[in-house]
Amino acid sequence: MRAHDDSSEPPLNASAAEPPAEVVELAERIARTVRPNMVQSIRAFQPADLQQVADYWGQHFLYANLEEATTKQRILEEIGRQFLLPGYFGRNLDALYDCLTDTLSGVGRQPGFIVVLEHIPISVKFDKEMREQLLDVFRDAADFWAERNVPFRGFYSFF
């Protein structure tokens, strides 16, 4: 696989089967419209489609459905469980950042990431400030990976 540059994503691994045309088209659309190191609303994208694009690009796909979580602690537990973070994950925002950056960078060169946080709660127990703090961790992780020329696209939706 060639080194990543900001103009395009890595090509499909030559040994893999030819992807459906709609996956190729979606990957091209994402490459054109979503900067490589950005965290944004999921809008018209579907998590399953984003997973197919991550597979096509040979990138990691991290997904967490937070529909059942209503507090900061539960949200961090669910992210840790669904992202398969290591057992020593401290279930706080600093530990989440460390896992998304230092832990992953410590295992070698990374091909890129597509991250989806679906159904972030809008509730009294998880207010706007807490939502922004959570999203800031992912924005900071995107900046970390941008410095290393590794794409990190984050998508989120509210519930």
C-alpha atoms as a PDB file:
ATOM      1  CA  MET A   1       0.000   0.000   0.000  1.00  0.00           C
ATOM      2  CA  ARG A   2       1.423   3.405  -0.891  1.00  0.00           C
ATOM      3  CA  ALA A   3       2.006   6.182   1.614  1.00  0.00           C
ATOM      4  CA  HIS A   4      -0.988   8.412   2.268  1.00  0.00           C
ATOM      5  CA  ASP A   5      -1.146  11.887   0.800  1.00  0.00           C
ATOM      6  CA  ASP A   6      -3.889  14.458   1.290  1.00  0.00           C
ATOM      7  CA  SER A   7      -5.166  14.246  -2.284  1.00  0.00           C
ATOM      8  CA  SER A   8      -6.562  10.712  -2.160  1.00  0.00           C
ATOM      9  CA  GLU A   9      -7.044   7.649  -0.035  1.00  0.00           C
ATOM     10  CA  PRO A  10      -5.013   4.461  -0.332  1.00  0.00           C
ATOM     11  CA  PRO A  11      -6.121   2.114  -3.095  1.00  0.00           C
ATOM     12  CA  LEU A  12      -7.919  -1.116  -2.397  1.00  0.00           C
ATOM     13  CA  ASN A  13      -5.614  -3.973  -1.468  1.00  0.00           C
ATOM     14  CA  ALA A  14      -4.953  -5.788  -4.745  1.00  0.00           C
ATOM     15  CA  SER A  15      -5.664  -9.198  -3.206  1.00  0.00           C
ATOM     16  CA  ALA A  16      -9.205  -8.281  -2.182  1.00  0.00           C
ATOM     17  CA  ALA A  17     -12.272  -8.860  -4.359  1.00  0.00           C
ATOM     18  CA  GLU A  18     -13.489  -5.952  -6.497  1.00  0.00           C
ATOM     19  CA  PRO A  19     -15.844  -3.832  -4.384  1.00  0.00           C
ATOM     20  CA  PRO A  20     -19.310  -2.854  -5.585  1.00  0.00           C
ATOM     21  CA  ALA A  21     -19.410   0.323  -7.682  1.00  0.00           C
ATOM     22  CA  GLU A  22     -21.501   2.114  -5.038  1.00  0.00           C
ATOM     23  CA  VAL A  23     -18.740   1.586  -2.447  1.00  0.00           C
ATOM     24  CA  VAL A  24     -16.149   3.009  -4.840  1.00  0.00           C
ATOM     25  CA  GLU A  25     -18.406   5.979  -5.596  1.00  0.00           C
ATOM     26  CA  LEU A  26     -19.077   6.622  -1.909  1.00  0.00           C
ATOM     27  CA  ALA A  27     -15.357   6.385  -1.117  1.00  0.00           C
ATOM     28  CA  GLU A  28     -14.630   8.937  -3.846  1.00  0.00           C
ATOM     29  CA  ARG A  29     -17.372  11.224  -2.510  1.00  0.00           C
ATOM     30  CA  ILE A  30     -16.027  10.997   1.036  1.00  0.00           C
ATOM     31  CA  ALA A  31     -12.478  11.640  -0.157  1.00  0.00           C
ATOM     32  CA  ARG A  32     -13.725  14.793  -1.953  1.00  0.00           C
ATOM     33  CA  THR A  33     -16.060  16.153   0.722  1.00  0.00           C
ATOM     34  CA  VAL A  34     -14.730  15.051   4.127  1.00  0.00           C
ATOM     35  CA  ARG A  35     -11.234  16.199   4.974  1.00  0.00           C
ATOM     36  CA  PRO A  36      -8.930  13.393   6.144  1.00  0.00           C
ATOM     37  CA  ASN A  37      -8.722  14.636   9.731  1.00  0.00           C
ATOM     38  CA  MET A  38     -12.127  15.922  10.617  1.00  0.00           C
ATOM     39  CA  VAL A  39     -14.926  15.103  13.048  1.00  0.00           C
ATOM     40  CA  GLN A  40     -18.394  15.951  11.788  1.00  0.00           C
ATOM     41  CA  SER A  41     -22.058  15.026  11.890  1.00  0.00           C
ATOM     42  CA  ILE A  42     -22.791  11.758  10.122  1.00  0.00           C
ATOM     43  CA  ARG A  43     -25.503  13.479   8.023  1.00  0.00           C
ATOM     44  CA  ALA A  44     -26.454  11.351   5.027  1.00  0.00           C
ATOM     45  CA  PHE A  45     -23.869   8.633   5.644  1.00  0.00           C
ATOM     46  CA  GLN A  46     -24.839   5.259   7.084  1.00  0.00           C
ATOM     47  CA  PRO A  47     -22.491   3.436   9.473  1.00  0.00           C
ATOM     48  CA  ALA A  48     -22.562   0.251   7.371  1.00  0.00           C
ATOM     49  CA  ASP A  49     -21.547   2.258   4.289  1.00  0.00           C
ATOM     50  CA  LEU A  50     -18.739   3.939   6.202  1.00  0.00           C
ATOM     51  CA  GLN A  51     -17.530   0.523   7.312  1.00  0.00           C
ATOM     52  CA  GLN A  52     -17.424  -0.631   3.694  1.00  0.00           C
ATOM     53  CA  VAL A  53     -15.399   2.452   2.750  1.00  0.00           C
ATOM     54  CA  ALA A  54     -12.986   1.810   5.635  1.00  0.00           C
ATOM     55  CA  ASP A  55     -12.575  -1.769   4.401  1.00  0.00           C
ATOM     56  CA  TYR A  56     -12.058  -0.539   0.825  1.00  0.00           C
ATOM     57  CA  TRP A  57      -9.380   1.907   1.977  1.00  0.00           C
ATOM     58  CA  GLY A  58      -7.791  -0.669   4.294  1.00  0.00           C
ATOM     59  CA  GLN A  59      -8.461   1.520   7.338  1.00  0.00           C
ATOM     60  CA  HIS A  60      -9.651   0.754  10.845  1.00  0.00           C
ATOM     61  CA  PHE A  61     -13.368   1.135  11.492  1.00  0.00           C
ATOM     62  CA  LEU A  62     -14.306   2.036  15.063  1.00  0.00           C
ATOM     63  CA  TYR A  63     -18.013   2.077  15.869  1.00  0.00           C
ATOM     64  CA  ALA A  64     -19.966   2.716  19.050  1.00  0.00           C
ATOM     65  CA  ASN A  65     -23.748   2.834  19.361  1.00  0.00           C
ATOM     66  CA  LEU A  66     -24.454   4.898  22.478  1.00  0.00           C
ATOM     67  CA  GLU A  67     -28.246   4.630  22.394  1.00  0.00           C
ATOM     68  CA  GLU A  68     -28.440   2.824  25.753  1.00  0.00           C
ATOM     69  CA  ALA A  69     -25.884   5.054  27.520  1.00  0.00           C
ATOM     70  CA  THR A  70     -27.153   8.161  29.291  1.00  0.00           C
ATOM     71  CA  THR A  71     -24.289   9.215  31.570  1.00  0.00           C
ATOM     72  CA  LYS A  72     -20.668  10.122  30.923  1.00  0.00           C
ATOM     73  CA  GLN A  73     -19.471   6.975  32.708  1.00  0.00           C
ATOM     74  CA  ARG A  74     -21.752   4.667  30.684  1.00  0.00           C
ATOM     75  CA  ILE A  75     -20.795   6.404  27.438  1.00  0.00           C
ATOM     76  CA  LEU A  76     -17.099   5.884  28.143  1.00  0.00           C
ATOM     77  CA  GLU A  77     -17.764   2.257  29.153  1.00  0.00           C
ATOM     78  CA  GLU A  78     -19.642   1.646  25.900  1.00  0.00           C
ATOM     79  CA  ILE A  79     -16.963   3.301  23.772  1.00  0.00           C
ATOM     80  CA  GLY A  80     -14.314   1.208  25.521  1.00  0.00           C
ATOM     81  CA  ARG A  81     -16.295  -1.993  25.072  1.00  0.00           C
ATOM     82  CA  GLN A  82     -17.392  -1.402  21.475  1.00  0.00           C
ATOM     83  CA  PHE A  83     -14.016  -0.029  20.295  1.00  0.00           C
ATOM     84  CA  LEU A  84     -12.349  -3.023  22.005  1.00  0.00           C
ATOM     85  CA  LEU A  85     -10.046  -0.726  23.970  1.00  0.00           C
ATOM     86  CA  PRO A  86      -7.516  -2.422  26.258  1.00  0.00           C
ATOM     87  CA  GLY A  87      -8.562  -3.574  29.720  1.00  0.00           C
ATOM     88  CA  TYR A  88      -6.500  -0.823  31.338  1.00  0.00           C
ATOM     89  CA  PHE A  89      -8.640   1.869  29.650  1.00  0.00           C
ATOM     90  CA  GLY A  90      -9.399   4.248  32.538  1.00  0.00           C
ATOM     91  CA  ARG A  91     -12.906   5.241  31.391  1.00  0.00           C
ATOM     92  CA  ASN A  92     -12.213   8.963  31.426  1.00  0.00           C
ATOM     93  CA  LEU A  93     -11.638  11.446  28.609  1.00  0.00           C
ATOM     94  CA  ASP A  94      -7.853  11.590  29.061  1.00  0.00           C
ATOM     95  CA  ALA A  95      -7.624   7.798  28.921  1.00  0.00           C
ATOM     96  CA  LEU A  96      -9.838   7.760  25.824  1.00  0.00           C
ATOM     97  CA  TYR A  97      -7.513  10.220  24.098  1.00  0.00           C
ATOM     98  CA  ASP A  98      -4.491   8.141  25.127  1.00  0.00           C
ATOM     99  CA  CYS A  99      -6.053   4.977  23.689  1.00  0.00           C
ATOM    100  CA  LEU A 100      -6.960   6.725  20.418  1.00  0.00           C
ATOM    101  CA  THR A 101      -3.453   8.129  20.035  1.00  0.00           C
ATOM    102  CA  ASP A 102      -0.526   6.743  22.042  1.00  0.00           C
ATOM    103  CA  THR A 103      -1.811   3.181  22.340  1.00  0.00           C
ATOM    104  CA  LEU A 104      -2.630   2.902  18.633  1.00  0.00           C
ATOM    105  CA  SER A 105       0.521   4.683  17.468  1.00  0.00           C
ATOM    106  CA  GLY A 106       2.603   2.416  19.700  1.00  0.00           C
ATOM    107  CA  VAL A 107       1.683  -0.707  17.732  1.00  0.00           C
ATOM    108  CA  GLY A 108       3.173   0.536  14.472  1.00  0.00           C
ATOM    109  CA  ARG A 109       2.216   2.461  11.381  1.00  0.00           C
ATOM    110  CA  GLN A 110      -1.517   2.992  11.065  1.00  0.00           C
ATOM    111  CA  PRO A 111      -3.402   3.013   7.733  1.00  0.00           C
ATOM    112  CA  GLY A 112      -6.143   5.409   8.866  1.00  0.00           C
ATOM    113  CA  PHE A 113      -9.413   5.463  10.753  1.00  0.00           C
ATOM    114  CA  ILE A 114     -13.090   5.945  10.197  1.00  0.00           C
ATOM    115  CA  VAL A 115     -14.780   6.409  13.564  1.00  0.00           C
ATOM    116  CA  VAL A 116     -18.528   6.500  14.203  1.00  0.00           C
ATOM    117  CA  LEU A 117     -20.224   7.542  17.431  1.00  0.00           C
ATOM    118  CA  GLU A 118     -23.886   6.883  16.848  1.00  0.00           C
ATOM    119  CA  HIS A 119     -26.688   8.160  19.097  1.00  0.00           C
ATOM    120  CA  ILE A 120     -24.716  10.376  21.471  1.00  0.00           C
ATOM    121  CA  PRO A 121     -27.398  11.188  24.064  1.00  0.00           C
ATOM    122  CA  ILE A 122     -28.949  14.580  24.511  1.00  0.00           C
ATOM    123  CA  SER A 123     -30.060  14.492  28.114  1.00  0.00           C
ATOM    124  CA  VAL A 124     -29.791  16.231  31.459  1.00  0.00           C
ATOM    125  CA  LYS A 125     -27.234  13.616  32.543  1.00  0.00           C
ATOM    126  CA  PHE A 126     -25.132  14.230  29.418  1.00  0.00           C
ATOM    127  CA  ASP A 127     -25.499  17.909  28.606  1.00  0.00           C
ATOM    128  CA  LYS A 128     -24.129  20.012  25.744  1.00  0.00           C
ATOM    129  CA  GLU A 129     -20.863  20.737  27.550  1.00  0.00           C
ATOM    130  CA  MET A 130     -20.206  17.028  28.107  1.00  0.00           C
ATOM    131  CA  ARG A 131     -21.023  16.238  24.469  1.00  0.00           C
ATOM    132  CA  GLU A 132     -18.555  18.895  23.322  1.00  0.00           C
ATOM    133  CA  GLN A 133     -15.880  17.555  25.669  1.00  0.00           C
ATOM    134  CA  LEU A 134     -16.358  14.066  24.226  1.00  0.00           C
ATOM    135  CA  LEU A 135     -16.224  15.324  20.645  1.00  0.00           C
ATOM    136  CA  ASP A 136     -13.141  17.419  21.499  1.00  0.00           C
ATOM    137  CA  VAL A 137     -11.300  14.209  22.395  1.00  0.00           C
ATOM    138  CA  PHE A 138     -12.011  12.907  18.900  1.00  0.00           C
ATOM    139  CA  ARG A 139     -11.083  16.263  17.325  1.00  0.00           C
ATOM    140  CA  ASP A 140      -7.805  16.216  19.257  1.00  0.00           C
ATOM    141  CA  ALA A 141      -7.178  12.638  18.121  1.00  0.00           C
ATOM    142  CA  ALA A 142      -7.823  13.746  14.521  1.00  0.00           C
ATOM    143  CA  ASP A 143      -5.213  16.507  14.986  1.00  0.00           C
ATOM    144  CA  PHE A 144      -2.755  13.992  16.465  1.00  0.00           C
ATOM    145  CA  TRP A 145      -3.107  11.716  13.455  1.00  0.00           C
ATOM    146  CA  ALA A 146      -2.999  14.656  11.009  1.00  0.00           C
ATOM    147  CA  GLU A 147       0.481  15.470  12.318  1.00  0.00           C
ATOM    148  CA  ARG A 148       1.449  11.927  11.320  1.00  0.00           C
ATOM    149  CA  ASN A 149      -0.261  12.108   7.889  1.00  0.00           C
ATOM    150  CA  VAL A 150      -2.776   9.448   8.911  1.00  0.00           C
ATOM    151  CA  PRO A 151      -6.437  10.063   8.010  1.00  0.00           C
ATOM    152  CA  PHE A 152      -8.838  10.035  10.958  1.00  0.00           C
ATOM    153  CA  ARG A 153     -12.401  10.800   9.960  1.00  0.00           C
ATOM    154  CA  GLY A 154     -14.910  10.931  12.787  1.00  0.00           C
ATOM    155  CA  PHE A 155     -18.682  10.912  12.370  1.00  0.00           C
ATOM    156  CA  TYR A 156     -21.320  11.312  15.056  1.00  0.00           C
ATOM    157  CA  SER A 157     -25.054  11.539  15.528  1.00  0.00           C
ATOM    158  CA  PHE A 158     -27.172  12.637  18.476  1.00  0.00           C
ATOM    159  CA  PHE A 159     -30.040  10.728  20.037  1.00  0.00           C
END
